[in-house]
Amino acid sequence: MKFNVLEHELVPEHYLVPEEEEAIVLERLKVKKENLPKIRKSDPVLRILERQYGHIPIGSLIKIVRKSPTAGRIIVYRVVVRE
């Protein structure tokens, strides 16, 4: 990929949540992984994250930090699904 989409000003920050922290995040949010929004394995952001973190398996959690004019920052999570 010649263009890093994470460097674009409109793309929020994305991070892989370590496996050992997933249970803590899910407990804090009081939600099951299957109820979270999805992000496809083929998403361009995931391709860039795999360069950073290595292979990202299906079912992994991705933390997204968005800028908000009213709240400052909003943190959301997505679960990786197949294409």
PDB file of N, CA and C in Angstrom:
ATOM      1  N   MET A   1       0.848  -1.163   0.000  1.00  0.00           N
ATOM      2  CA  MET A   1       0.000   0.000   0.000  1.00  0.00           C
ATOM      3  C   MET A   1       0.901   1.237   0.000  1.00  0.00           C
ATOM      4  N   LYS A   2       0.661   2.150  -0.905  1.00  0.00           N
ATOM      5  CA  LYS A   2       1.519   3.304  -1.049  1.00  0.00           C
ATOM      6  C   LYS A   2       1.103   4.466  -0.156  1.00  0.00           C
ATOM      7  N   PHE A   3      -0.143   4.464   0.277  1.00  0.00           N
ATOM      8  CA  PHE A   3      -0.655   5.557   1.095  1.00  0.00           C
ATOM      9  C   PHE A   3      -1.089   5.029   2.450  1.00  0.00           C
ATOM     10  N   ASN A   4      -0.605   5.621   3.515  1.00  0.00           N
ATOM     11  CA  ASN A   4      -0.973   5.208   4.867  1.00  0.00           C
ATOM     12  C   ASN A   4      -2.235   5.975   5.271  1.00  0.00           C
ATOM     13  N   VAL A   5      -3.377   5.292   5.278  1.00  0.00           N
ATOM     14  CA  VAL A   5      -4.652   5.950   5.578  1.00  0.00           C
ATOM     15  C   VAL A   5      -4.678   6.520   6.993  1.00  0.00           C
ATOM     16  N   LEU A   6      -3.884   5.970   7.903  1.00  0.00           N
ATOM     17  CA  LEU A   6      -3.866   6.480   9.279  1.00  0.00           C
ATOM     18  C   LEU A   6      -3.247   7.875   9.377  1.00  0.00           C
ATOM     19  N   GLU A   7      -2.531   8.276   8.357  1.00  0.00           N
ATOM     20  CA  GLU A   7      -1.931   9.605   8.354  1.00  0.00           C
ATOM     21  C   GLU A   7      -2.879  10.677   7.844  1.00  0.00           C
ATOM     22  N   HIS A   8      -4.039  10.275   7.317  1.00  0.00           N
ATOM     23  CA  HIS A   8      -5.013  11.251   6.820  1.00  0.00           C
ATOM     24  C   HIS A   8      -5.721  11.912   7.998  1.00  0.00           C
ATOM     25  N   GLU A   9      -5.946  13.212   7.897  1.00  0.00           N
ATOM     26  CA  GLU A   9      -6.527  13.975   9.007  1.00  0.00           C
ATOM     27  C   GLU A   9      -7.948  13.547   9.378  1.00  0.00           C
ATOM     28  N   LEU A  10      -8.687  12.935   8.461  1.00  0.00           N
ATOM     29  CA  LEU A  10     -10.063  12.533   8.750  1.00  0.00           C
ATOM     30  C   LEU A  10     -10.183  11.121   9.319  1.00  0.00           C
ATOM     31  N   VAL A  11      -9.085  10.374   9.324  1.00  0.00           N
ATOM     32  CA  VAL A  11      -9.108   9.001   9.844  1.00  0.00           C
ATOM     33  C   VAL A  11      -8.691   9.035  11.311  1.00  0.00           C
ATOM     34  N   PRO A  12      -9.564   8.532  12.205  1.00  0.00           N
ATOM     35  CA  PRO A  12      -9.218   8.551  13.634  1.00  0.00           C
ATOM     36  C   PRO A  12      -8.099   7.572  13.957  1.00  0.00           C
ATOM     37  N   GLU A  13      -7.537   7.707  15.156  1.00  0.00           N
ATOM     38  CA  GLU A  13      -6.473   6.813  15.609  1.00  0.00           C
ATOM     39  C   GLU A  13      -7.053   5.414  15.837  1.00  0.00           C
ATOM     40  N   HIS A  14      -6.322   4.383  15.430  1.00  0.00           N
ATOM     41  CA  HIS A  14      -6.726   2.990  15.629  1.00  0.00           C
ATOM     42  C   HIS A  14      -5.606   2.250  16.348  1.00  0.00           C
ATOM     43  N   TYR A  15      -5.977   1.373  17.287  1.00  0.00           N
ATOM     44  CA  TYR A  15      -5.005   0.587  18.030  1.00  0.00           C
ATOM     45  C   TYR A  15      -5.539  -0.830  18.216  1.00  0.00           C
ATOM     46  N   LEU A  16      -4.653  -1.798  18.224  1.00  0.00           N
ATOM     47  CA  LEU A  16      -5.014  -3.167  18.549  1.00  0.00           C
ATOM     48  C   LEU A  16      -5.038  -3.297  20.070  1.00  0.00           C
ATOM     49  N   VAL A  17      -6.148  -3.823  20.610  1.00  0.00           N
ATOM     50  CA  VAL A  17      -6.236  -4.056  22.053  1.00  0.00           C
ATOM     51  C   VAL A  17      -5.556  -5.394  22.341  1.00  0.00           C
ATOM     52  N   PRO A  18      -4.561  -5.427  23.219  1.00  0.00           N
ATOM     53  CA  PRO A  18      -3.899  -6.692  23.547  1.00  0.00           C
ATOM     54  C   PRO A  18      -4.907  -7.704  24.103  1.00  0.00           C
ATOM     55  N   GLU A  19      -4.691  -8.984  23.791  1.00  0.00           N
ATOM     56  CA  GLU A  19      -5.609 -10.048  24.225  1.00  0.00           C
ATOM     57  C   GLU A  19      -5.853 -10.026  25.723  1.00  0.00           C
ATOM     58  N   GLU A  20      -4.809  -9.765  26.500  1.00  0.00           N
ATOM     59  CA  GLU A  20      -4.966  -9.784  27.953  1.00  0.00           C
ATOM     60  C   GLU A  20      -5.824  -8.625  28.472  1.00  0.00           C
ATOM     61  N   GLU A  21      -6.037  -7.583  27.655  1.00  0.00           N
ATOM     62  CA  GLU A  21      -6.871  -6.449  28.063  1.00  0.00           C
ATOM     63  C   GLU A  21      -8.305  -6.544  27.548  1.00  0.00           C
ATOM     64  N   GLU A  22      -8.567  -7.454  26.610  1.00  0.00           N
ATOM     65  CA  GLU A  22      -9.902  -7.559  26.017  1.00  0.00           C
ATOM     66  C   GLU A  22     -10.984  -7.802  27.062  1.00  0.00           C
ATOM     67  N   ALA A  23     -10.760  -8.743  27.965  1.00  0.00           N
ATOM     68  CA  ALA A  23     -11.760  -9.072  28.988  1.00  0.00           C
ATOM     69  C   ALA A  23     -12.039  -7.871  29.882  1.00  0.00           C
ATOM     70  N   ILE A  24     -11.014  -7.102  30.190  1.00  0.00           N
ATOM     71  CA  ILE A  24     -11.178  -5.911  31.031  1.00  0.00           C
ATOM     72  C   ILE A  24     -12.055  -4.882  30.325  1.00  0.00           C
ATOM     73  N   VAL A  25     -11.794  -4.663  29.034  1.00  0.00           N
ATOM     74  CA  VAL A  25     -12.574  -3.696  28.252  1.00  0.00           C
ATOM     75  C   VAL A  25     -14.029  -4.144  28.157  1.00  0.00           C
ATOM     76  N   LEU A  26     -14.248  -5.412  27.847  1.00  0.00           N
ATOM     77  CA  LEU A  26     -15.616  -5.924  27.704  1.00  0.00           C
ATOM     78  C   LEU A  26     -16.377  -5.851  29.029  1.00  0.00           C
ATOM     79  N   GLU A  27     -15.703  -6.142  30.122  1.00  0.00           N
ATOM     80  CA  GLU A  27     -16.335  -6.070  31.443  1.00  0.00           C
ATOM     81  C   GLU A  27     -16.692  -4.623  31.783  1.00  0.00           C
ATOM     82  N   ARG A  28     -15.776  -3.721  31.507  1.00  0.00           N
ATOM     83  CA  ARG A  28     -16.021  -2.303  31.799  1.00  0.00           C
ATOM     84  C   ARG A  28     -17.203  -1.762  30.993  1.00  0.00           C
ATOM     85  N   LEU A  29     -17.313  -2.201  29.730  1.00  0.00           N
ATOM     86  CA  LEU A  29     -18.411  -1.753  28.864  1.00  0.00           C
ATOM     87  C   LEU A  29     -19.699  -2.551  29.093  1.00  0.00           C
ATOM     88  N   LYS A  30     -19.581  -3.657  29.812  1.00  0.00           N
ATOM     89  CA  LYS A  30     -20.722  -4.557  30.064  1.00  0.00           C
ATOM     90  C   LYS A  30     -21.379  -4.989  28.752  1.00  0.00           C
ATOM     91  N   VAL A  31     -20.527  -5.512  27.876  1.00  0.00           N
ATOM     92  CA  VAL A  31     -20.989  -5.937  26.549  1.00  0.00           C
ATOM     93  C   VAL A  31     -20.241  -7.201  26.154  1.00  0.00           C
ATOM     94  N   LYS A  32     -20.866  -7.991  25.292  1.00  0.00           N
ATOM     95  CA  LYS A  32     -20.205  -9.171  24.724  1.00  0.00           C
ATOM     96  C   LYS A  32     -19.567  -8.769  23.408  1.00  0.00           C
ATOM     97  N   LYS A  33     -18.510  -9.458  23.072  1.00  0.00           N
ATOM     98  CA  LYS A  33     -17.764  -9.133  21.857  1.00  0.00           C
ATOM     99  C   LYS A  33     -18.653  -9.148  20.605  1.00  0.00           C
ATOM    100  N   GLU A  34     -19.579 -10.102  20.534  1.00  0.00           N
ATOM    101  CA  GLU A  34     -20.436 -10.213  19.342  1.00  0.00           C
ATOM    102  C   GLU A  34     -21.427  -9.052  19.215  1.00  0.00           C
ATOM    103  N   ASN A  35     -21.603  -8.256  20.262  1.00  0.00           N
ATOM    104  CA  ASN A  35     -22.518  -7.114  20.211  1.00  0.00           C
ATOM    105  C   ASN A  35     -21.832  -5.809  19.816  1.00  0.00           C
ATOM    106  N   LEU A  36     -20.524  -5.850  19.681  1.00  0.00           N
ATOM    107  CA  LEU A  36     -19.784  -4.655  19.276  1.00  0.00           C
ATOM    108  C   LEU A  36     -19.895  -4.437  17.771  1.00  0.00           C
ATOM    109  N   PRO A  37     -19.710  -3.193  17.314  1.00  0.00           N
ATOM    110  CA  PRO A  37     -19.651  -2.945  15.867  1.00  0.00           C
ATOM    111  C   PRO A  37     -18.491  -3.731  15.259  1.00  0.00           C
ATOM    112  N   LYS A  38     -18.562  -3.970  13.976  1.00  0.00           N
ATOM    113  CA  LYS A  38     -17.568  -4.798  13.279  1.00  0.00           C
ATOM    114  C   LYS A  38     -16.640  -3.943  12.427  1.00  0.00           C
ATOM    115  N   ILE A  39     -15.447  -4.492  12.164  1.00  0.00           N
ATOM    116  CA  ILE A  39     -14.521  -3.931  11.187  1.00  0.00           C
ATOM    117  C   ILE A  39     -13.997  -5.112  10.375  1.00  0.00           C
ATOM    118  N   ARG A  40     -14.069  -5.003   9.065  1.00  0.00           N
ATOM    119  CA  ARG A  40     -13.653  -6.119   8.210  1.00  0.00           C
ATOM    120  C   ARG A  40     -12.141  -6.274   8.163  1.00  0.00           C
ATOM    121  N   LYS A  41     -11.727  -7.511   8.047  1.00  0.00           N
ATOM    122  CA  LYS A  41     -10.305  -7.843   7.949  1.00  0.00           C
ATOM    123  C   LYS A  41      -9.669  -7.156   6.742  1.00  0.00           C
ATOM    124  N   SER A  42     -10.470  -6.876   5.712  1.00  0.00           N
ATOM    125  CA  SER A  42      -9.952  -6.257   4.491  1.00  0.00           C
ATOM    126  C   SER A  42      -9.910  -4.731   4.562  1.00  0.00           C
ATOM    127  N   ASP A  43     -10.333  -4.141   5.664  1.00  0.00           N
ATOM    128  CA  ASP A  43     -10.322  -2.684   5.813  1.00  0.00           C
ATOM    129  C   ASP A  43      -8.891  -2.167   5.654  1.00  0.00           C
ATOM    130  N   PRO A  44      -8.700  -1.094   4.901  1.00  0.00           N
ATOM    131  CA  PRO A  44      -7.349  -0.556   4.707  1.00  0.00           C
ATOM    132  C   PRO A  44      -6.632  -0.220   6.017  1.00  0.00           C
ATOM    133  N   VAL A  45      -7.365   0.215   7.026  1.00  0.00           N
ATOM    134  CA  VAL A  45      -6.740   0.528   8.313  1.00  0.00           C
ATOM    135  C   VAL A  45      -6.139  -0.732   8.926  1.00  0.00           C
ATOM    136  N   LEU A  46      -6.839  -1.861   8.816  1.00  0.00           N
ATOM    137  CA  LEU A  46      -6.308  -3.106   9.384  1.00  0.00           C
ATOM    138  C   LEU A  46      -5.046  -3.550   8.659  1.00  0.00           C
ATOM    139  N   ARG A  47      -4.971  -3.297   7.387  1.00  0.00           N
ATOM    140  CA  ARG A  47      -3.749  -3.651   6.654  1.00  0.00           C
ATOM    141  C   ARG A  47      -2.552  -2.871   7.191  1.00  0.00           C
ATOM    142  N   ILE A  48      -2.771  -1.606   7.500  1.00  0.00           N
ATOM    143  CA  ILE A  48      -1.702  -0.787   8.074  1.00  0.00           C
ATOM    144  C   ILE A  48      -1.369  -1.265   9.490  1.00  0.00           C
ATOM    145  N   LEU A  49      -2.403  -1.568  10.295  1.00  0.00           N
ATOM    146  CA  LEU A  49      -2.174  -2.045  11.660  1.00  0.00           C
ATOM    147  C   LEU A  49      -1.404  -3.364  11.669  1.00  0.00           C
ATOM    148  N   GLU A  50      -1.638  -4.216  10.665  1.00  0.00           N
ATOM    149  CA  GLU A  50      -0.906  -5.488  10.605  1.00  0.00           C
ATOM    150  C   GLU A  50       0.573  -5.255  10.332  1.00  0.00           C
ATOM    151  N   ARG A  51       0.911  -4.193   9.657  1.00  0.00           N
ATOM    152  CA  ARG A  51       2.330  -3.857   9.482  1.00  0.00           C
ATOM    153  C   ARG A  51       2.948  -3.496  10.832  1.00  0.00           C
ATOM    154  N   GLN A  52       2.158  -2.844  11.667  1.00  0.00           N
ATOM    155  CA  GLN A  52       2.620  -2.400  12.974  1.00  0.00           C
ATOM    156  C   GLN A  52       2.662  -3.523  13.998  1.00  0.00           C
ATOM    157  N   TYR A  53       1.559  -4.293  14.093  1.00  0.00           N
ATOM    158  CA  TYR A  53       1.395  -5.289  15.146  1.00  0.00           C
ATOM    159  C   TYR A  53       1.640  -6.733  14.690  1.00  0.00           C
ATOM    160  N   GLY A  54       1.745  -6.965  13.398  1.00  0.00           N
ATOM    161  CA  GLY A  54       1.817  -8.336  12.899  1.00  0.00           C
ATOM    162  C   GLY A  54       0.407  -8.839  12.609  1.00  0.00           C
ATOM    163  N   HIS A  55       0.257 -10.135  12.450  1.00  0.00           N
ATOM    164  CA  HIS A  55      -1.041 -10.731  12.107  1.00  0.00           C
ATOM    165  C   HIS A  55      -2.103 -10.377  13.157  1.00  0.00           C
ATOM    166  N   ILE A  56      -3.257  -9.895  12.686  1.00  0.00           N
ATOM    167  CA  ILE A  56      -4.382  -9.591  13.575  1.00  0.00           C
ATOM    168  C   ILE A  56      -5.466 -10.626  13.304  1.00  0.00           C
ATOM    169  N   PRO A  57      -5.721 -11.534  14.257  1.00  0.00           N
ATOM    170  CA  PRO A  57      -6.714 -12.593  14.029  1.00  0.00           C
ATOM    171  C   PRO A  57      -8.158 -12.088  14.075  1.00  0.00           C
ATOM    172  N   ILE A  58      -9.041 -12.847  13.432  1.00  0.00           N
ATOM    173  CA  ILE A  58     -10.482 -12.589  13.493  1.00  0.00           C
ATOM    174  C   ILE A  58     -10.887 -12.629  14.969  1.00  0.00           C
ATOM    175  N   GLY A  59     -11.745 -11.698  15.373  1.00  0.00           N
ATOM    176  CA  GLY A  59     -12.201 -11.661  16.756  1.00  0.00           C
ATOM    177  C   GLY A  59     -11.403 -10.709  17.635  1.00  0.00           C
ATOM    178  N   SER A  60     -10.345 -10.119  17.103  1.00  0.00           N
ATOM    179  CA  SER A  60      -9.548  -9.161  17.882  1.00  0.00           C
ATOM    180  C   SER A  60     -10.326  -7.864  18.076  1.00  0.00           C
ATOM    181  N   LEU A  61      -9.981  -7.132  19.117  1.00  0.00           N
ATOM    182  CA  LEU A  61     -10.603  -5.830  19.374  1.00  0.00           C
ATOM    183  C   LEU A  61      -9.711  -4.716  18.867  1.00  0.00           C
ATOM    184  N   ILE A  62     -10.338  -3.744  18.223  1.00  0.00           N
ATOM    185  CA  ILE A  62      -9.650  -2.559  17.741  1.00  0.00           C
ATOM    186  C   ILE A  62     -10.216  -1.361  18.491  1.00  0.00           C
ATOM    187  N   LYS A  63      -9.335  -0.564  19.075  1.00  0.00           N
ATOM    188  CA  LYS A  63      -9.739   0.647  19.791  1.00  0.00           C
ATOM    189  C   LYS A  63      -9.611   1.816  18.822  1.00  0.00           C
ATOM    190  N   ILE A  64     -10.663   2.622  18.731  1.00  0.00           N
ATOM    191  CA  ILE A  64     -10.665   3.779  17.844  1.00  0.00           C
ATOM    192  C   ILE A  64     -10.876   5.027  18.690  1.00  0.00           C
ATOM    193  N   VAL A  65      -9.977   5.984  18.544  1.00  0.00           N
ATOM    194  CA  VAL A  65     -10.055   7.237  19.293  1.00  0.00           C
ATOM    195  C   VAL A  65     -10.423   8.341  18.307  1.00  0.00           C
ATOM    196  N   ARG A  66     -11.622   8.888  18.481  1.00  0.00           N
ATOM    197  CA  ARG A  66     -12.117   9.942  17.586  1.00  0.00           C
ATOM    198  C   ARG A  66     -12.084  11.286  18.295  1.00  0.00           C
ATOM    199  N   LYS A  67     -11.800  12.327  17.539  1.00  0.00           N
ATOM    200  CA  LYS A  67     -11.874  13.685  18.063  1.00  0.00           C
ATOM    201  C   LYS A  67     -13.331  14.132  18.010  1.00  0.00           C
ATOM    202  N   SER A  68     -13.766  14.825  19.049  1.00  0.00           N
ATOM    203  CA  SER A  68     -15.136  15.313  19.121  1.00  0.00           C
ATOM    204  C   SER A  68     -15.121  16.785  19.529  1.00  0.00           C
ATOM    205  N   PRO A  69     -15.850  17.624  18.799  1.00  0.00           N
ATOM    206  CA  PRO A  69     -15.863  19.040  19.168  1.00  0.00           C
ATOM    207  C   PRO A  69     -16.524  19.291  20.527  1.00  0.00           C
ATOM    208  N   THR A  70     -17.405  18.416  20.953  1.00  0.00           N
ATOM    209  CA  THR A  70     -18.102  18.624  22.225  1.00  0.00           C
ATOM    210  C   THR A  70     -17.511  17.814  23.371  1.00  0.00           C
ATOM    211  N   ALA A  71     -17.068  16.594  23.098  1.00  0.00           N
ATOM    212  CA  ALA A  71     -16.563  15.720  24.163  1.00  0.00           C
ATOM    213  C   ALA A  71     -15.035  15.676  24.229  1.00  0.00           C
ATOM    214  N   GLY A  72     -14.372  16.255  23.268  1.00  0.00           N
ATOM    215  CA  GLY A  72     -12.909  16.193  23.232  1.00  0.00           C
ATOM    216  C   GLY A  72     -12.433  14.945  22.505  1.00  0.00           C
ATOM    217  N   ARG A  73     -12.550  13.790  23.185  1.00  0.00           N
ATOM    218  CA  ARG A  73     -12.177  12.506  22.580  1.00  0.00           C
ATOM    219  C   ARG A  73     -13.257  11.484  22.898  1.00  0.00           C
ATOM    220  N   ILE A  74     -13.518  10.619  21.936  1.00  0.00           N
ATOM    221  CA  ILE A  74     -14.458   9.519  22.131  1.00  0.00           C
ATOM    222  C   ILE A  74     -13.726   8.237  21.799  1.00  0.00           C
ATOM    223  N   ILE A  75     -13.822   7.237  22.673  1.00  0.00           N
ATOM    224  CA  ILE A  75     -13.180   5.950  22.431  1.00  0.00           C
ATOM    225  C   ILE A  75     -14.271   4.933  22.134  1.00  0.00           C
ATOM    226  N   VAL A  76     -14.135   4.265  20.991  1.00  0.00           N
ATOM    227  CA  VAL A  76     -15.064   3.212  20.586  1.00  0.00           C
ATOM    228  C   VAL A  76     -14.256   1.957  20.258  1.00  0.00           C
ATOM    229  N   TYR A  77     -14.918   0.841  20.242  1.00  0.00           N
ATOM    230  CA  TYR A  77     -14.258  -0.442  19.951  1.00  0.00           C
ATOM    231  C   TYR A  77     -14.989  -1.148  18.832  1.00  0.00           C
ATOM    232  N   ARG A  78     -14.232  -1.877  18.027  1.00  0.00           N
ATOM    233  CA  ARG A  78     -14.793  -2.719  16.969  1.00  0.00           C
ATOM    234  C   ARG A  78     -14.114  -4.070  17.032  1.00  0.00           C
ATOM    235  N   VAL A  79     -14.841  -5.078  16.581  1.00  0.00           N
ATOM    236  CA  VAL A  79     -14.294  -6.432  16.550  1.00  0.00           C
ATOM    237  C   VAL A  79     -13.998  -6.796  15.091  1.00  0.00           C
ATOM    238  N   VAL A  80     -12.870  -7.443  14.866  1.00  0.00           N
ATOM    239  CA  VAL A  80     -12.436  -7.819  13.519  1.00  0.00           C
ATOM    240  C   VAL A  80     -13.235  -9.033  13.045  1.00  0.00           C
ATOM    241  N   VAL A  81     -13.814  -8.913  11.830  1.00  0.00           N
ATOM    242  CA  VAL A  81     -14.571 -10.005  11.222  1.00  0.00           C
ATOM    243  C   VAL A  81     -13.995 -10.330   9.852  1.00  0.00           C
ATOM    244  N   ARG A  82     -14.415 -11.464   9.293  1.00  0.00           N
ATOM    245  CA  ARG A  82     -13.947 -11.871   7.953  1.00  0.00           C
ATOM    246  C   ARG A  82     -14.339 -10.846   6.908  1.00  0.00           C
ATOM    247  N   GLU A  83     -13.744 -11.016   5.748  1.00  0.00           N
ATOM    248  CA  GLU A  83     -14.036 -10.127   4.628  1.00  0.00           C
ATOM    249  C   GLU A  83     -15.522 -10.091   4.474  1.00  0.00           C
TER     250      GLU A  83
END
